[in-house]
PDB file of N, CA and C in Angstrom:
ATOM      1  N   UNK A   1      96.881 119.773 102.072  1.00  0.00           N
ATOM      2  CA  UNK A   1      97.670 118.735 102.231  1.00  0.00           C
ATOM      3  C   UNK A   1      96.610 117.300 103.134  1.00  0.00           C
ATOM      4  N   UNK A   2      97.188 116.541 102.504  1.00  0.00           N
ATOM      5  CA  UNK A   2      95.919 115.370 103.130  1.00  0.00           C
ATOM      6  C   UNK A   2      97.020 115.174 103.769  1.00  0.00           C
ATOM      7  N   UNK A   3      96.402 114.173 105.210  1.00  0.00           N
ATOM      8  CA  UNK A   3      96.801 113.445 106.156  1.00  0.00           C
ATOM      9  C   UNK A   3      96.190 112.119 106.330  1.00  0.00           C
ATOM     10  N   UNK A   4      97.235 111.055 106.720  1.00  0.00           N
ATOM     11  CA  UNK A   4      96.745 109.618 106.778  1.00  0.00           C
ATOM     12  C   UNK A   4      97.097 109.664 107.853  1.00  0.00           C
ATOM     13  N   UNK A   5      96.028 108.217 107.886  1.00  0.00           N
ATOM     14  CA  UNK A   5      96.125 107.442 109.244  1.00  0.00           C
ATOM     15  C   UNK A   5      97.485 106.777 109.484  1.00  0.00           C
ATOM     16  N   UNK A   6      97.514 106.007 110.855  1.00  0.00           N
ATOM     17  CA  UNK A   6      98.846 104.909 110.444  1.00  0.00           C
ATOM     18  C   UNK A   6      99.077 104.002 109.644  1.00  0.00           C
ATOM     19  N   UNK A   7      97.720 103.444 109.644  1.00  0.00           N
ATOM     20  CA  UNK A   7      97.641 101.893 108.910  1.00  0.00           C
ATOM     21  C   UNK A   7      97.572 102.359 107.193  1.00  0.00           C
ATOM     22  N   UNK A   8      97.481 103.392 106.466  1.00  0.00           N
ATOM     23  CA  UNK A   8      97.838 103.702 105.396  1.00  0.00           C
ATOM     24  C   UNK A   8      99.217 104.290 105.258  1.00  0.00           C
ATOM     25  N   UNK A   9      99.903 104.935 105.835  1.00  0.00           N
ATOM     26  CA  UNK A   9     101.173 105.498 106.043  1.00  0.00           C
ATOM     27  C   UNK A   9     102.077 104.325 106.211  1.00  0.00           C
ATOM     28  N   UNK A  10     101.990 103.375 107.168  1.00  0.00           N
ATOM     29  CA  UNK A  10     102.244 102.111 107.129  1.00  0.00           C
ATOM     30  C   UNK A  10     102.327 101.207 105.339  1.00  0.00           C
ATOM     31  N   UNK A  11     101.425 101.448 104.912  1.00  0.00           N
ATOM     32  CA  UNK A  11     101.593 100.405 103.915  1.00  0.00           C
ATOM     33  C   UNK A  11     101.965 101.608 102.770  1.00  0.00           C
ATOM     34  N   UNK A  12     101.622 102.763 102.413  1.00  0.00           N
ATOM     35  CA  UNK A  12     102.521 103.171 101.784  1.00  0.00           C
ATOM     36  C   UNK A  12     103.988 103.162 102.092  1.00  0.00           C
ATOM     37  N   UNK A  13     104.548 103.298 102.862  1.00  0.00           N
ATOM     38  CA  UNK A  13     106.272 102.852 103.071  1.00  0.00           C
ATOM     39  C   UNK A  13     106.397 101.483 102.738  1.00  0.00           C
ATOM     40  N   UNK A  14     105.562 100.583 103.207  1.00  0.00           N
ATOM     41  CA  UNK A  14     106.031  98.906 102.672  1.00  0.00           C
ATOM     42  C   UNK A  14     106.134  99.279 100.899  1.00  0.00           C
ATOM     43  N   UNK A  15     105.127  99.939 100.300  1.00  0.00           N
ATOM     44  CA  UNK A  15     104.746 100.014  99.190  1.00  0.00           C
ATOM     45  C   UNK A  15     106.040 100.453  98.575  1.00  0.00           C
ATOM     46  N   UNK A  16     106.644 101.581  99.054  1.00  0.00           N
ATOM     47  CA  UNK A  16     107.995 102.110  98.827  1.00  0.00           C
ATOM     48  C   UNK A  16     109.402 101.412  98.753  1.00  0.00           C
ATOM     49  N   UNK A  17     109.085 100.939  99.632  1.00  0.00           N
ATOM     50  CA  UNK A  17     110.181 100.135  99.835  1.00  0.00           C
ATOM     51  C   UNK A  17     110.182  98.801  99.080  1.00  0.00           C
ATOM     52  N   UNK A  18     109.065  98.204  98.709  1.00  0.00           N
ATOM     53  CA  UNK A  18     109.321  97.173  97.921  1.00  0.00           C
ATOM     54  C   UNK A  18     109.465  97.335  96.279  1.00  0.00           C
ATOM     55  N   UNK A  19     108.774  98.532  95.914  1.00  0.00           N
ATOM     56  CA  UNK A  19     108.684  98.694  94.649  1.00  0.00           C
ATOM     57  C   UNK A  19     109.558  99.783  94.375  1.00  0.00           C
ATOM     58  N   UNK A  20     110.152 100.516  95.188  1.00  0.00           N
ATOM     59  CA  UNK A  20     110.910 101.739  94.888  1.00  0.00           C
ATOM     60  C   UNK A  20     110.314 103.236  94.554  1.00  0.00           C
ATOM     61  N   UNK A  21     108.900 102.775  94.373  1.00  0.00           N
ATOM     62  CA  UNK A  21     107.781 104.257  93.958  1.00  0.00           C
ATOM     63  C   UNK A  21     106.853 104.415  95.033  1.00  0.00           C
ATOM     64  N   UNK A  22     106.579 105.768  94.906  1.00  0.00           N
ATOM     65  CA  UNK A  22     106.273 106.450  96.314  1.00  0.00           C
ATOM     66  C   UNK A  22     104.729 106.819  95.782  1.00  0.00           C
ATOM     67  N   UNK A  23     103.743 106.383  96.244  1.00  0.00           N
ATOM     68  CA  UNK A  23     102.572 106.552  95.602  1.00  0.00           C
ATOM     69  C   UNK A  23     101.970 107.813  96.077  1.00  0.00           C
ATOM     70  N   UNK A  24     100.770 108.144  95.413  1.00  0.00           N
ATOM     71  CA  UNK A  24      99.766 109.615  95.337  1.00  0.00           C
ATOM     72  C   UNK A  24      99.105 109.344  96.529  1.00  0.00           C
ATOM     73  N   UNK A  25      98.592 108.134  96.514  1.00  0.00           N
ATOM     74  CA  UNK A  25      97.507 107.951  97.613  1.00  0.00           C
ATOM     75  C   UNK A  25      97.514 106.664  98.170  1.00  0.00           C
ATOM     76  N   UNK A  26      96.743 105.984  99.130  1.00  0.00           N
ATOM     77  CA  UNK A  26      96.319 105.009  99.869  1.00  0.00           C
ATOM     78  C   UNK A  26      94.944 104.711  99.969  1.00  0.00           C
ATOM     79  N   UNK A  27      94.345 103.857  99.664  1.00  0.00           N
ATOM     80  CA  UNK A  27      93.047 103.384 100.342  1.00  0.00           C
ATOM     81  C   UNK A  27      92.994 101.967 101.242  1.00  0.00           C
ATOM     82  N   UNK A  28      92.650 101.936 102.279  1.00  0.00           N
ATOM     83  CA  UNK A  28      92.971 100.405 102.479  1.00  0.00           C
ATOM     84  C   UNK A  28      91.296  99.922 102.961  1.00  0.00           C
ATOM     85  N   UNK A  29      90.921  99.238 102.239  1.00  0.00           N
ATOM     86  CA  UNK A  29      89.525  98.404 102.440  1.00  0.00           C
ATOM     87  C   UNK A  29      89.382  97.010 102.610  1.00  0.00           C
ATOM     88  N   UNK A  30      88.840  95.972 101.947  1.00  0.00           N
ATOM     89  CA  UNK A  30      89.433  94.472 101.732  1.00  0.00           C
ATOM     90  C   UNK A  30      90.277  94.600 101.107  1.00  0.00           C
ATOM     91  N   UNK A  31      90.541  95.106  99.966  1.00  0.00           N
ATOM     92  CA  UNK A  31      92.124  95.347  99.077  1.00  0.00           C
ATOM     93  C   UNK A  31      92.838  96.426  99.797  1.00  0.00           C
ATOM     94  N   UNK A  32      94.258  96.228  99.649  1.00  0.00           N
ATOM     95  CA  UNK A  32      94.984  98.100  98.956  1.00  0.00           C
ATOM     96  C   UNK A  32      95.211  98.298  98.186  1.00  0.00           C
ATOM     97  N   UNK A  33      94.743  99.696  97.681  1.00  0.00           N
ATOM     98  CA  UNK A  33      94.899 100.658  96.684  1.00  0.00           C
ATOM     99  C   UNK A  33      95.629 101.470  96.599  1.00  0.00           C
ATOM    100  N   UNK A  34      96.354 101.869  95.722  1.00  0.00           N
ATOM    101  CA  UNK A  34      97.377 102.396  95.569  1.00  0.00           C
ATOM    102  C   UNK A  34      97.395 103.362  93.982  1.00  0.00           C
ATOM    103  N   UNK A  35      97.213 105.029  93.996  1.00  0.00           N
ATOM    104  CA  UNK A  35      97.654 105.805  92.628  1.00  0.00           C
ATOM    105  C   UNK A  35      99.408 105.552  93.024  1.00  0.00           C
ATOM    106  N   UNK A  36      99.751 105.710  91.821  1.00  0.00           N
ATOM    107  CA  UNK A  36     100.923 106.145  91.264  1.00  0.00           C
ATOM    108  C   UNK A  36     101.134 106.576  89.606  1.00  0.00           C
ATOM    109  N   UNK A  37     102.005 107.600  89.679  1.00  0.00           N
ATOM    110  CA  UNK A  37     102.425 108.228  88.726  1.00  0.00           C
ATOM    111  C   UNK A  37     102.695 107.061  87.427  1.00  0.00           C
ATOM    112  N   UNK A  38     101.593 107.248  85.854  1.00  0.00           N
ATOM    113  CA  UNK A  38     101.964 106.912  84.616  1.00  0.00           C
ATOM    114  C   UNK A  38     103.737 105.613  84.685  1.00  0.00           C
ATOM    115  N   UNK A  39     104.113 107.099  84.385  1.00  0.00           N
ATOM    116  CA  UNK A  39     105.664 106.171  84.237  1.00  0.00           C
ATOM    117  C   UNK A  39     106.476 105.383  85.520  1.00  0.00           C
ATOM    118  N   UNK A  40     105.655 105.299  86.924  1.00  0.00           N
ATOM    119  CA  UNK A  40     105.984 104.460  87.538  1.00  0.00           C
ATOM    120  C   UNK A  40     105.807 102.792  87.617  1.00  0.00           C
ATOM    121  N   UNK A  41     104.377 103.136  87.068  1.00  0.00           N
ATOM    122  CA  UNK A  41     103.793 101.894  86.676  1.00  0.00           C
ATOM    123  C   UNK A  41     104.728 100.226  86.166  1.00  0.00           C
ATOM    124  N   UNK A  42     105.721 101.164  85.160  1.00  0.00           N
ATOM    125  CA  UNK A  42     106.132 100.273  84.777  1.00  0.00           C
ATOM    126  C   UNK A  42     107.363  99.443  86.398  1.00  0.00           C
ATOM    127  N   UNK A  43     107.607  99.942  86.982  1.00  0.00           N
ATOM    128  CA  UNK A  43     108.617  99.762  87.949  1.00  0.00           C
ATOM    129  C   UNK A  43     107.886  99.347  88.762  1.00  0.00           C
ATOM    130  N   UNK A  44     106.725  98.873  88.953  1.00  0.00           N
ATOM    131  CA  UNK A  44     105.836  98.938  90.135  1.00  0.00           C
ATOM    132  C   UNK A  44     105.446  97.174  89.471  1.00  0.00           C
ATOM    133  N   UNK A  45     105.280  97.231  88.193  1.00  0.00           N
ATOM    134  CA  UNK A  45     104.600  95.875  87.575  1.00  0.00           C
ATOM    135  C   UNK A  45     105.347  94.976  87.036  1.00  0.00           C
ATOM    136  N   UNK A  46     106.862  95.425  86.875  1.00  0.00           N
ATOM    137  CA  UNK A  46     108.102  94.957  86.478  1.00  0.00           C
ATOM    138  C   UNK A  46     108.257  93.639  87.257  1.00  0.00           C
ATOM    139  N   UNK A  47     108.836  92.233  85.990  1.00  0.00           N
ATOM    140  CA  UNK A  47     108.895  90.889  86.142  1.00  0.00           C
ATOM    141  C   UNK A  47     107.796  90.149  86.800  1.00  0.00           C
ATOM    142  N   UNK A  48     106.997  90.739  85.718  1.00  0.00           N
ATOM    143  CA  UNK A  48     105.294  89.827  85.885  1.00  0.00           C
ATOM    144  C   UNK A  48     104.837  90.293  87.396  1.00  0.00           C
ATOM    145  N   UNK A  49     105.046  91.696  87.558  1.00  0.00           N
ATOM    146  CA  UNK A  49     104.554  91.362  89.015  1.00  0.00           C
ATOM    147  C   UNK A  49     104.804  91.074  90.000  1.00  0.00           C
ATOM    148  N   UNK A  50     106.195  90.345  90.082  1.00  0.00           N
ATOM    149  CA  UNK A  50     106.950  90.377  91.332  1.00  0.00           C
ATOM    150  C   UNK A  50     106.904  91.281  92.577  1.00  0.00           C
ATOM    151  N   UNK A  51     106.914  92.503  92.350  1.00  0.00           N
ATOM    152  CA  UNK A  51     107.197  93.088  93.571  1.00  0.00           C
ATOM    153  C   UNK A  51     105.965  93.055  94.152  1.00  0.00           C
ATOM    154  N   UNK A  52     104.389  93.148  93.454  1.00  0.00           N
ATOM    155  CA  UNK A  52     103.241  93.113  93.966  1.00  0.00           C
ATOM    156  C   UNK A  52     102.964  91.774  94.400  1.00  0.00           C
ATOM    157  N   UNK A  53     103.359  90.660  93.965  1.00  0.00           N
ATOM    158  CA  UNK A  53     103.378  89.273  94.684  1.00  0.00           C
ATOM    159  C   UNK A  53     103.580  89.490  96.205  1.00  0.00           C
ATOM    160  N   UNK A  54     105.349  89.928  96.236  1.00  0.00           N
ATOM    161  CA  UNK A  54     105.703  90.049  97.160  1.00  0.00           C
ATOM    162  C   UNK A  54     105.103  91.194  98.615  1.00  0.00           C
ATOM    163  N   UNK A  55     104.338  91.888  98.203  1.00  0.00           N
ATOM    164  CA  UNK A  55     103.677  92.647  99.050  1.00  0.00           C
ATOM    165  C   UNK A  55     102.530  91.880  99.261  1.00  0.00           C
ATOM    166  N   UNK A  56     101.609  91.353  98.258  1.00  0.00           N
ATOM    167  CA  UNK A  56     100.549  90.749  98.689  1.00  0.00           C
ATOM    168  C   UNK A  56     100.686  89.639  99.760  1.00  0.00           C
ATOM    169  N   UNK A  57     101.515  88.863  99.590  1.00  0.00           N
ATOM    170  CA  UNK A  57     102.405  87.587 100.565  1.00  0.00           C
ATOM    171  C   UNK A  57     102.517  88.427 102.091  1.00  0.00           C
ATOM    172  N   UNK A  58     103.155  89.594 101.951  1.00  0.00           N
ATOM    173  CA  UNK A  58     103.890  89.688 103.194  1.00  0.00           C
ATOM    174  C   UNK A  58     102.604  90.605 103.929  1.00  0.00           C
ATOM    175  N   UNK A  59     101.800  91.554 103.363  1.00  0.00           N
ATOM    176  CA  UNK A  59     100.491  91.732 103.873  1.00  0.00           C
ATOM    177  C   UNK A  59      99.361  90.461 104.095  1.00  0.00           C
ATOM    178  N   UNK A  60      99.293  90.099 102.983  1.00  0.00           N
ATOM    179  CA  UNK A  60      97.922  89.326 103.114  1.00  0.00           C
ATOM    180  C   UNK A  60      96.625  89.581 102.367  1.00  0.00           C
ATOM    181  N   UNK A  61      96.894  91.010 102.085  1.00  0.00           N
ATOM    182  CA  UNK A  61      95.828  91.727 100.955  1.00  0.00           C
ATOM    183  C   UNK A  61      95.757  91.807  99.788  1.00  0.00           C
ATOM    184  N   UNK A  62      94.920  91.435  98.908  1.00  0.00           N
ATOM    185  CA  UNK A  62      95.548  91.811  97.206  1.00  0.00           C
ATOM    186  C   UNK A  62      95.789  93.308  97.358  1.00  0.00           C
ATOM    187  N   UNK A  63      96.666  93.701  96.328  1.00  0.00           N
ATOM    188  CA  UNK A  63      97.389  95.092  96.212  1.00  0.00           C
ATOM    189  C   UNK A  63      96.522  95.566  94.444  1.00  0.00           C
ATOM    190  N   UNK A  64      96.455  96.387  94.491  1.00  0.00           N
ATOM    191  CA  UNK A  64      95.415  97.225  93.240  1.00  0.00           C
ATOM    192  C   UNK A  64      96.147  98.436  92.986  1.00  0.00           C
ATOM    193  N   UNK A  65      96.676  98.756  92.042  1.00  0.00           N
ATOM    194  CA  UNK A  65      97.662  99.889  91.597  1.00  0.00           C
ATOM    195  C   UNK A  65      96.547 100.609  90.593  1.00  0.00           C
ATOM    196  N   UNK A  66      96.818 102.056  90.693  1.00  0.00           N
ATOM    197  CA  UNK A  66      95.732 102.623  89.666  1.00  0.00           C
ATOM    198  C   UNK A  66      96.792 103.559  88.984  1.00  0.00           C
ATOM    199  N   UNK A  67      96.489 104.034  87.783  1.00  0.00           N
ATOM    200  CA  UNK A  67      97.503 105.048  87.659  1.00  0.00           C
ATOM    201  C   UNK A  67      97.152 106.488  87.374  1.00  0.00           C
ATOM    202  N   UNK A  68      98.110 107.261  87.817  1.00  0.00           N
ATOM    203  CA  UNK A  68      97.452 108.830  88.281  1.00  0.00           C
ATOM    204  C   UNK A  68      97.421 109.389  86.930  1.00  0.00           C
ATOM    205  N   UNK A  69      96.694 110.258  86.669  1.00  0.00           N
ATOM    206  CA  UNK A  69      96.097 110.945  85.423  1.00  0.00           C
ATOM    207  C   UNK A  69      96.161 112.350  85.741  1.00  0.00           C
ATOM    208  N   UNK A  70      96.325 113.556  84.705  1.00  0.00           N
ATOM    209  CA  UNK A  70      95.751 114.865  85.145  1.00  0.00           C
ATOM    210  C   UNK A  70      94.683 115.365  85.541  1.00  0.00           C
ATOM    211  N   UNK A  71      93.596 114.541  84.492  1.00  0.00           N
ATOM    212  CA  UNK A  71      92.344 115.117  84.873  1.00  0.00           C
ATOM    213  C   UNK A  71      91.645 113.551  85.405  1.00  0.00           C
ATOM    214  N   UNK A  72      90.428 113.781  85.944  1.00  0.00           N
ATOM    215  CA  UNK A  72      89.684 112.934  86.658  1.00  0.00           C
ATOM    216  C   UNK A  72      89.121 112.086  85.421  1.00  0.00           C
ATOM    217  N   UNK A  73      88.576 112.692  84.614  1.00  0.00           N
ATOM    218  CA  UNK A  73      88.124 111.998  83.248  1.00  0.00           C
ATOM    219  C   UNK A  73      88.948 111.034  82.422  1.00  0.00           C
ATOM    220  N   UNK A  74      90.320 111.346  82.746  1.00  0.00           N
ATOM    221  CA  UNK A  74      91.338 110.572  81.961  1.00  0.00           C
ATOM    222  C   UNK A  74      91.670 109.331  82.886  1.00  0.00           C
ATOM    223  N   UNK A  75      91.435 109.385  84.188  1.00  0.00           N
ATOM    224  CA  UNK A  75      91.724 108.990  85.017  1.00  0.00           C
ATOM    225  C   UNK A  75      90.666 107.531  85.573  1.00  0.00           C
ATOM    226  N   UNK A  76      89.024 108.013  85.406  1.00  0.00           N
ATOM    227  CA  UNK A  76      88.165 107.389  85.506  1.00  0.00           C
ATOM    228  C   UNK A  76      88.520 106.050  84.120  1.00  0.00           C
ATOM    229  N   UNK A  77      88.386 106.938  82.652  1.00  0.00           N
ATOM    230  CA  UNK A  77      88.836 105.841  81.693  1.00  0.00           C
ATOM    231  C   UNK A  77      90.074 105.049  81.760  1.00  0.00           C
ATOM    232  N   UNK A  78      90.964 105.356  82.416  1.00  0.00           N
ATOM    233  CA  UNK A  78      91.899 104.597  82.256  1.00  0.00           C
ATOM    234  C   UNK A  78      91.957 103.485  83.558  1.00  0.00           C
ATOM    235  N   UNK A  79      91.141 103.167  84.466  1.00  0.00           N
ATOM    236  CA  UNK A  79      90.923 102.466  85.282  1.00  0.00           C
ATOM    237  C   UNK A  79      89.287 101.750  84.792  1.00  0.00           C
ATOM    238  N   UNK A  80      88.595 102.369  84.704  1.00  0.00           N
ATOM    239  CA  UNK A  80      86.820 101.876  84.268  1.00  0.00           C
ATOM    240  C   UNK A  80      87.131 101.527  82.636  1.00  0.00           C
ATOM    241  N   UNK A  81      86.766 101.925  81.964  1.00  0.00           N
ATOM    242  CA  UNK A  81      86.476 101.899  80.650  1.00  0.00           C
ATOM    243  C   UNK A  81      86.799 103.162  79.717  1.00  0.00           C
ATOM    244  N   UNK A  82      87.144 103.020  78.416  1.00  0.00           N
ATOM    245  CA  UNK A  82      87.022 104.408  77.592  1.00  0.00           C
ATOM    246  C   UNK A  82      85.554 104.438  77.833  1.00  0.00           C
ATOM    247  N   UNK A  83      84.622 103.488  77.427  1.00  0.00           N
ATOM    248  CA  UNK A  83      82.871 103.914  77.540  1.00  0.00           C
ATOM    249  C   UNK A  83      82.064 104.347  78.838  1.00  0.00           C
ATOM    250  N   UNK A  84      82.713 104.803  79.606  1.00  0.00           N
ATOM    251  CA  UNK A  84      81.930 105.297  81.051  1.00  0.00           C
ATOM    252  C   UNK A  84      81.332 106.573  80.273  1.00  0.00           C
ATOM    253  N   UNK A  85      80.511 106.672  80.566  1.00  0.00           N
ATOM    254  CA  UNK A  85      79.772 108.074  80.147  1.00  0.00           C
ATOM    255  C   UNK A  85      79.895 108.979  81.594  1.00  0.00           C
ATOM    256  N   UNK A  86      80.445 110.043  81.540  1.00  0.00           N
ATOM    257  CA  UNK A  86      80.889 110.892  82.651  1.00  0.00           C
ATOM    258  C   UNK A  86      79.723 112.661  82.698  1.00  0.00           C
ATOM    259  N   UNK A  87      78.902 112.638  83.511  1.00  0.00           N
ATOM    260  CA  UNK A  87      78.232 113.862  83.772  1.00  0.00           C
ATOM    261  C   UNK A  87      79.186 114.531  84.638  1.00  0.00           C
ATOM    262  N   UNK A  88      79.525 115.788  84.867  1.00  0.00           N
ATOM    263  CA  UNK A  88      80.096 116.559  85.631  1.00  0.00           C
ATOM    264  C   UNK A  88      79.251 118.166  86.106  1.00  0.00           C
ATOM    265  N   UNK A  89      78.632 117.859  87.208  1.00  0.00           N
ATOM    266  CA  UNK A  89      78.185 119.225  87.132  1.00  0.00           C
ATOM    267  C   UNK A  89      78.195 119.520  88.658  1.00  0.00           C
ATOM    268  N   UNK A  90      78.298 121.047  88.775  1.00  0.00           N
ATOM    269  CA  UNK A  90      78.681 121.679  90.419  1.00  0.00           C
ATOM    270  C   UNK A  90      79.688 120.261  91.037  1.00  0.00           C
ATOM    271  N   UNK A  91      80.674 119.952  90.716  1.00  0.00           N
ATOM    272  CA  UNK A  91      81.544 119.349  90.999  1.00  0.00           C
ATOM    273  C   UNK A  91      80.844 117.668  92.215  1.00  0.00           C
ATOM    274  N   UNK A  92      79.715 117.413  91.522  1.00  0.00           N
ATOM    275  CA  UNK A  92      78.763 116.405  91.640  1.00  0.00           C
ATOM    276  C   UNK A  92      79.343 115.633  89.950  1.00  0.00           C
ATOM    277  N   UNK A  93      79.581 114.252  90.163  1.00  0.00           N
ATOM    278  CA  UNK A  93      80.514 113.328  89.510  1.00  0.00           C
ATOM    279  C   UNK A  93      79.380 112.222  89.189  1.00  0.00           C
ATOM    280  N   UNK A  94      78.455 112.601  87.866  1.00  0.00           N
ATOM    281  CA  UNK A  94      77.770 110.969  87.590  1.00  0.00           C
ATOM    282  C   UNK A  94      78.631 110.360  86.604  1.00  0.00           C
ATOM    283  N   UNK A  95      78.440 108.882  86.929  1.00  0.00           N
ATOM    284  CA  UNK A  95      79.297 107.826  85.892  1.00  0.00           C
ATOM    285  C   UNK A  95      78.519 106.838  85.378  1.00  0.00           C
ATOM    286  N   UNK A  96      78.284 106.631  84.614  1.00  0.00           N
ATOM    287  CA  UNK A  96      77.216 105.824  83.822  1.00  0.00           C
ATOM    288  C   UNK A  96      78.078 104.627  83.291  1.00  0.00           C
ATOM    289  N   UNK A  97      77.672 103.210  83.931  1.00  0.00           N
ATOM    290  CA  UNK A  97      78.726 102.585  83.498  1.00  0.00           C
ATOM    291  C   UNK A  97      77.692 101.261  82.715  1.00  0.00           C
ATOM    292  N   UNK A  98      78.333 100.575  82.066  1.00  0.00           N
ATOM    293  CA  UNK A  98      77.482  99.264  81.161  1.00  0.00           C
ATOM    294  C   UNK A  98      77.481  98.332  82.024  1.00  0.00           C
ATOM    295  N   UNK A  99      76.751  97.127  82.013  1.00  0.00           N
ATOM    296  CA  UNK A  99      77.126  96.084  82.721  1.00  0.00           C
ATOM    297  C   UNK A  99      78.365  95.500  82.910  1.00  0.00           C
ATOM    298  N   UNK A 100      79.208  95.064  82.122  1.00  0.00           N
ATOM    299  CA  UNK A 100      80.487  94.478  81.823  1.00  0.00           C
ATOM    300  C   UNK A 100      81.049  95.260  82.883  1.00  0.00           C
ATOM    301  N   UNK A 101      81.326  96.882  82.545  1.00  0.00           N
ATOM    302  CA  UNK A 101      82.336  97.525  83.232  1.00  0.00           C
ATOM    303  C   UNK A 101      81.964  97.369  84.630  1.00  0.00           C
ATOM    304  N   UNK A 102      80.950  97.589  84.855  1.00  0.00           N
ATOM    305  CA  UNK A 102      80.108  97.022  86.537  1.00  0.00           C
ATOM    306  C   UNK A 102      80.820  96.169  86.865  1.00  0.00           C
ATOM    307  N   UNK A 103      80.657  94.907  86.500  1.00  0.00           N
ATOM    308  CA  UNK A 103      81.172  93.649  87.128  1.00  0.00           C
ATOM    309  C   UNK A 103      82.431  93.895  87.169  1.00  0.00           C
ATOM    310  N   UNK A 104      83.334  94.145  86.441  1.00  0.00           N
ATOM    311  CA  UNK A 104      84.682  94.430  86.267  1.00  0.00           C
ATOM    312  C   UNK A 104      85.506  95.387  87.076  1.00  0.00           C
ATOM    313  N   UNK A 105      84.654  96.370  87.734  1.00  0.00           N
ATOM    314  CA  UNK A 105      85.329  97.449  88.779  1.00  0.00           C
ATOM    315  C   UNK A 105      84.339  97.151  90.178  1.00  0.00           C
ATOM    316  N   UNK A 106      83.422  96.144  90.362  1.00  0.00           N
ATOM    317  CA  UNK A 106      82.668  96.393  91.410  1.00  0.00           C
ATOM    318  C   UNK A 106      82.857  96.281  92.587  1.00  0.00           C
ATOM    319  N   UNK A 107      84.098  95.915  92.499  1.00  0.00           N
ATOM    320  CA  UNK A 107      84.819  95.727  94.134  1.00  0.00           C
ATOM    321  C   UNK A 107      85.437  96.976  94.495  1.00  0.00           C
ATOM    322  N   UNK A 108      85.724  97.899  93.381  1.00  0.00           N
ATOM    323  CA  UNK A 108      86.630  98.750  93.392  1.00  0.00           C
ATOM    324  C   UNK A 108      85.990 100.317  93.911  1.00  0.00           C
ATOM    325  N   UNK A 109      85.027  99.889  93.395  1.00  0.00           N
ATOM    326  CA  UNK A 109      84.033 101.826  93.530  1.00  0.00           C
ATOM    327  C   UNK A 109      84.211 102.691  94.599  1.00  0.00           C
ATOM    328  N   UNK A 110      84.460 101.936  95.775  1.00  0.00           N
ATOM    329  CA  UNK A 110      84.298 102.663  96.848  1.00  0.00           C
ATOM    330  C   UNK A 110      85.735 103.592  96.903  1.00  0.00           C
ATOM    331  N   UNK A 111      86.817 102.427  96.730  1.00  0.00           N
ATOM    332  CA  UNK A 111      88.107 103.090  96.699  1.00  0.00           C
ATOM    333  C   UNK A 111      88.626 104.331  95.150  1.00  0.00           C
ATOM    334  N   UNK A 112      87.683 103.550  93.995  1.00  0.00           N
ATOM    335  CA  UNK A 112      87.545 104.943  93.040  1.00  0.00           C
ATOM    336  C   UNK A 112      87.070 106.088  93.146  1.00  0.00           C
ATOM    337  N   UNK A 113      85.916 106.154  93.860  1.00  0.00           N
ATOM    338  CA  UNK A 113      85.392 107.232  94.670  1.00  0.00           C
ATOM    339  C   UNK A 113      86.048 107.596  95.609  1.00  0.00           C
ATOM    340  N   UNK A 114      86.763 107.230  96.533  1.00  0.00           N
ATOM    341  CA  UNK A 114      87.528 107.596  97.510  1.00  0.00           C
ATOM    342  C   UNK A 114      88.923 108.645  96.601  1.00  0.00           C
ATOM    343  N   UNK A 115      89.165 108.210  96.069  1.00  0.00           N
ATOM    344  CA  UNK A 115      90.394 108.663  95.245  1.00  0.00           C
ATOM    345  C   UNK A 115      90.083 109.575  94.007  1.00  0.00           C
ATOM    346  N   UNK A 116      88.953 109.862  93.466  1.00  0.00           N
ATOM    347  CA  UNK A 116      88.194 110.882  92.772  1.00  0.00           C
ATOM    348  C   UNK A 116      88.084 112.106  93.954  1.00  0.00           C
ATOM    349  N   UNK A 117      87.795 111.890  94.895  1.00  0.00           N
ATOM    350  CA  UNK A 117      87.522 112.864  95.977  1.00  0.00           C
ATOM    351  C   UNK A 117      88.558 113.468  96.798  1.00  0.00           C
ATOM    352  N   UNK A 118      89.417 113.076  96.844  1.00  0.00           N
ATOM    353  CA  UNK A 118      91.237 112.865  97.496  1.00  0.00           C
ATOM    354  C   UNK A 118      91.956 114.284  96.435  1.00  0.00           C
ATOM    355  N   UNK A 119      92.011 113.208  95.670  1.00  0.00           N
ATOM    356  CA  UNK A 119      92.855 113.586  94.161  1.00  0.00           C
ATOM    357  C   UNK A 119      92.412 115.133  93.418  1.00  0.00           C
ATOM    358  N   UNK A 120      91.217 114.619  93.207  1.00  0.00           N
ATOM    359  CA  UNK A 120      90.566 115.801  92.226  1.00  0.00           C
ATOM    360  C   UNK A 120      90.012 116.889  92.906  1.00  0.00           C
ATOM    361  N   UNK A 121      89.603 116.566  93.853  1.00  0.00           N
ATOM    362  CA  UNK A 121      88.506 117.369  94.805  1.00  0.00           C
ATOM    363  C   UNK A 121      87.067 117.588  94.379  1.00  0.00           C
ATOM    364  N   UNK A 122      86.646 116.190  93.797  1.00  0.00           N
ATOM    365  CA  UNK A 122      85.499 115.588  93.629  1.00  0.00           C
ATOM    366  C   UNK A 122      84.302 115.895  94.868  1.00  0.00           C
ATOM    367  N   UNK A 123      83.415 116.779  94.896  1.00  0.00           N
ATOM    368  CA  UNK A 123      82.476 116.549  96.045  1.00  0.00           C
ATOM    369  C   UNK A 123      81.606 115.628  96.240  1.00  0.00           C
ATOM    370  N   UNK A 124      81.329 114.846  95.370  1.00  0.00           N
ATOM    371  CA  UNK A 124      80.277 113.550  95.467  1.00  0.00           C
ATOM    372  C   UNK A 124      80.359 112.774  93.614  1.00  0.00           C
ATOM    373  N   UNK A 125      80.561 111.892  94.100  1.00  0.00           N
ATOM    374  CA  UNK A 125      80.552 110.190  93.220  1.00  0.00           C
ATOM    375  C   UNK A 125      79.024 109.600  93.606  1.00  0.00           C
ATOM    376  N   UNK A 126      78.539 109.856  92.247  1.00  0.00           N
ATOM    377  CA  UNK A 126      77.207 108.977  91.812  1.00  0.00           C
ATOM    378  C   UNK A 126      77.601 107.775  90.774  1.00  0.00           C
ATOM    379  N   UNK A 127      77.545 107.037  90.740  1.00  0.00           N
ATOM    380  CA  UNK A 127      77.780 105.333  90.207  1.00  0.00           C
ATOM    381  C   UNK A 127      75.728 105.039  89.463  1.00  0.00           C
ATOM    382  N   UNK A 128      75.889 105.105  88.160  1.00  0.00           N
ATOM    383  CA  UNK A 128      75.070 104.717  87.665  1.00  0.00           C
ATOM    384  C   UNK A 128      75.328 103.860  86.701  1.00  0.00           C
ATOM    385  N   UNK A 129      73.925 102.652  86.602  1.00  0.00           N
ATOM    386  CA  UNK A 129      73.981 101.588  85.402  1.00  0.00           C
ATOM    387  C   UNK A 129      73.053 101.359  84.777  1.00  0.00           C
TER     388      UNK A 129
END
């Protein structure tokens, strides 16, 4: 079972309080990233993202929410693009991104890597472009 530091627990509690949704995981960087189930994405983003705006204003950091998927491949394609080429060998994941996708998610790559390691038990994630 994953253990969280006090800061992550605090943000996860705030997220649940404001949105009514329990996140699967949380990564705190310059932005705060959450993973929630796909069915809960509607609740989180309801009213044109009003709940996320409330969190942004209260915390003072941008909030990014990713949908949870059963497989790591689906998770990657939901977050980045269907065009991502994925090579998986010996629990090392290599993701080949095109230039457009790289620009789109460049600031999110470390959080994506952390989620892949935590949720899907990937030992190492390598990004290539």
